[in-house]
Amino acid sequence: MNDKISDKDKKDWEDFLSKNERLPNKDFIINNKKTSKIKQIDLHGFTLEQANKKIKKIIDDSYENGISKIIVVTGKGLHSNVEKDPYVSKDLSILKYSVPEYIKNDQGLMKKIIEITDAKIEDGGAGAFYIFIKKKL
């Protein structure tokens, strides 16, 4: 490290000190970010019909109450009993796929939703998804 300060740096520093202009103190700046309201639901153990009714109610309630994000935990379907029924798809009958499909096919719900995306690993990863809710007008 260079211990000598250049004449230009000294002049710039003195100019700064002579002016009334000050740098804002970062420790006292108020964070103006809005806190988002988040709701979470775990659908483990629900039947498809129960899960669809519950998700419809949660989306409607969240829209009415200003909730901006819903974390829906469905699980990955690893413990599903669909393997015993040859007439049920092993992939599409589990809540992970069926609940988002139900939401996308309900135009009333989709009018209240910005988007549906996969969840981050800390929120459930492949066994969960996010629903971002529009603000009520």
Protein backbone atom coordinates (compact mmCIF):
# COMPACT_ATOMS: atom_id res chain seq x y z
CA MET A 1 0.00 0.00 0.00
CA ASN A 2 1.22 3.45 -0.88
CA ASP A 3 1.66 5.65 2.22
CA LYS A 4 2.02 8.87 0.26
CA ILE A 5 -1.12 10.76 -0.71
CA SER A 6 -0.98 12.60 -4.00
CA ASP A 7 -1.43 16.35 -4.16
CA LYS A 8 -4.57 15.87 -6.26
CA ASP A 9 -6.13 13.60 -3.59
CA LYS A 10 -5.27 16.16 -0.87
CA LYS A 11 -6.86 18.95 -2.90
CA ASP A 12 -9.99 16.85 -3.61
CA TRP A 13 -10.32 16.04 0.10
CA GLU A 14 -9.99 19.68 1.14
CA ASP A 15 -12.52 20.71 -1.51
CA PHE A 16 -14.93 18.11 -0.17
CA LEU A 17 -14.50 19.29 3.43
CA SER A 18 -14.95 22.95 2.49
CA LYS A 19 -18.34 22.30 0.88
CA ASN A 20 -21.56 21.80 2.79
CA GLU A 21 -22.32 18.72 0.71
CA ARG A 22 -22.19 15.52 2.72
CA LEU A 23 -22.49 11.87 1.80
CA PRO A 24 -25.59 10.15 3.17
CA ASN A 25 -25.00 7.87 6.11
CA LYS A 26 -25.88 4.40 4.83
CA ASP A 27 -26.64 3.21 8.36
CA PHE A 28 -29.54 5.65 8.67
CA ILE A 29 -31.12 5.31 5.27
CA ILE A 30 -34.61 3.92 5.67
CA ASN A 31 -35.26 0.87 3.57
CA ASN A 32 -38.27 1.75 1.44
CA LYS A 33 -38.79 -1.76 0.16
CA LYS A 34 -42.29 -2.96 0.75
CA THR A 35 -42.56 -6.07 2.80
CA SER A 36 -44.49 -8.67 0.92
CA LYS A 37 -47.12 -10.70 2.65
CA ILE A 38 -46.53 -14.41 2.19
CA LYS A 39 -48.81 -17.32 2.98
CA GLN A 40 -47.81 -20.98 2.92
CA ILE A 41 -49.91 -24.11 2.62
CA ASP A 42 -48.84 -27.72 2.84
CA LEU A 43 -51.06 -30.09 0.85
CA HIS A 44 -49.45 -33.34 2.02
CA GLY A 45 -52.18 -35.90 2.72
CA PHE A 46 -54.90 -34.06 0.80
CA THR A 47 -56.90 -35.78 -1.90
CA LEU A 48 -56.98 -34.02 -5.26
CA GLU A 49 -60.51 -32.75 -4.62
CA GLN A 50 -59.61 -31.47 -1.14
CA ALA A 51 -56.44 -29.83 -2.45
CA ASN A 52 -58.30 -28.06 -5.28
CA LYS A 53 -60.97 -26.71 -2.90
CA LYS A 54 -58.31 -25.55 -0.43
CA ILE A 55 -56.17 -23.87 -3.09
CA LYS A 56 -59.19 -22.03 -4.54
CA LYS A 57 -60.10 -20.72 -1.08
CA ILE A 58 -56.52 -19.67 -0.33
CA ILE A 59 -56.14 -17.81 -3.63
CA ASP A 60 -59.47 -16.01 -3.12
CA ASP A 61 -58.62 -15.12 0.50
CA SER A 62 -55.10 -13.99 -0.42
CA TYR A 63 -56.42 -11.75 -3.19
CA GLU A 64 -58.95 -10.17 -0.79
CA ASN A 65 -56.39 -9.69 2.01
CA GLY A 66 -53.44 -8.33 0.03
CA ILE A 67 -51.23 -11.42 0.23
CA SER A 68 -48.68 -11.18 -2.59
CA LYS A 69 -47.17 -14.67 -2.60
CA ILE A 70 -48.39 -18.14 -1.72
CA ILE A 71 -45.95 -21.00 -1.21
CA VAL A 72 -47.76 -24.24 -2.03
CA VAL A 73 -46.04 -27.40 -0.79
CA THR A 74 -47.39 -30.43 -2.61
CA GLY A 75 -44.60 -32.92 -2.13
CA LYS A 76 -42.99 -34.82 -4.98
CA GLY A 77 -45.49 -37.68 -5.02
CA LEU A 78 -42.96 -40.23 -3.83
CA HIS A 79 -45.36 -41.71 -1.28
CA SER A 80 -48.46 -41.56 -3.45
CA ASN A 81 -50.69 -44.65 -3.65
CA VAL A 82 -51.45 -44.24 -7.36
CA GLU A 83 -49.18 -47.14 -8.29
CA LYS A 84 -51.90 -49.52 -7.08
CA ASP A 85 -54.47 -48.17 -9.55
CA PRO A 86 -53.68 -49.08 -13.19
CA TYR A 87 -56.26 -46.55 -14.47
CA VAL A 88 -54.57 -43.53 -12.88
CA SER A 89 -51.52 -41.86 -14.38
CA LYS A 90 -48.52 -42.21 -12.10
CA ASP A 91 -47.24 -38.80 -13.15
CA LEU A 92 -50.28 -36.60 -13.56
CA SER A 93 -52.39 -37.69 -10.61
CA ILE A 94 -50.05 -36.36 -7.96
CA LEU A 95 -50.75 -32.92 -6.54
CA LYS A 96 -47.46 -31.51 -7.86
CA TYR A 97 -48.90 -31.53 -11.39
CA SER A 98 -52.65 -31.57 -10.82
CA VAL A 99 -53.03 -28.51 -8.57
CA PRO A 100 -51.24 -26.07 -10.93
CA GLU A 101 -53.23 -27.53 -13.82
CA TYR A 102 -56.48 -26.98 -11.89
CA ILE A 103 -55.52 -23.36 -11.23
CA LYS A 104 -54.57 -22.70 -14.87
CA ASN A 105 -57.91 -24.09 -16.06
CA ASP A 106 -59.95 -21.87 -13.70
CA GLN A 107 -60.27 -18.47 -15.41
CA GLY A 108 -61.64 -16.86 -12.23
CA LEU A 109 -58.51 -17.81 -10.32
CA MET A 110 -56.16 -16.88 -13.15
CA LYS A 111 -57.56 -13.32 -13.15
CA LYS A 112 -56.17 -12.97 -9.61
CA ILE A 113 -52.75 -14.44 -10.36
CA ILE A 114 -49.65 -12.84 -11.85
CA GLU A 115 -47.76 -16.10 -12.33
CA ILE A 116 -47.08 -19.58 -11.03
CA THR A 117 -43.42 -20.59 -10.76
CA ASP A 118 -41.29 -23.37 -9.32
CA ALA A 119 -40.16 -22.89 -5.73
CA LYS A 120 -36.59 -22.32 -4.61
CA ILE A 121 -34.92 -25.19 -2.80
CA GLU A 122 -35.32 -23.49 0.61
CA ASP A 123 -39.10 -23.38 0.11
CA GLY A 124 -39.52 -26.98 -1.01
CA GLY A 125 -37.79 -27.14 -4.40
CA ALA A 126 -39.36 -29.71 -6.71
CA GLY A 127 -42.08 -30.45 -4.13
CA ALA A 128 -43.46 -26.90 -4.07
CA PHE A 129 -44.40 -23.93 -6.23
CA TYR A 130 -45.15 -20.21 -5.85
CA ILE A 131 -48.32 -18.38 -6.75
CA PHE A 132 -47.88 -14.61 -7.13
CA ILE A 133 -51.16 -12.79 -6.50
CA LYS A 134 -52.28 -9.54 -8.15
CA LYS A 135 -53.21 -6.54 -6.06
CA LYS A 136 -56.92 -6.05 -5.64
CA LEU A 137 -58.13 -3.02 -7.56
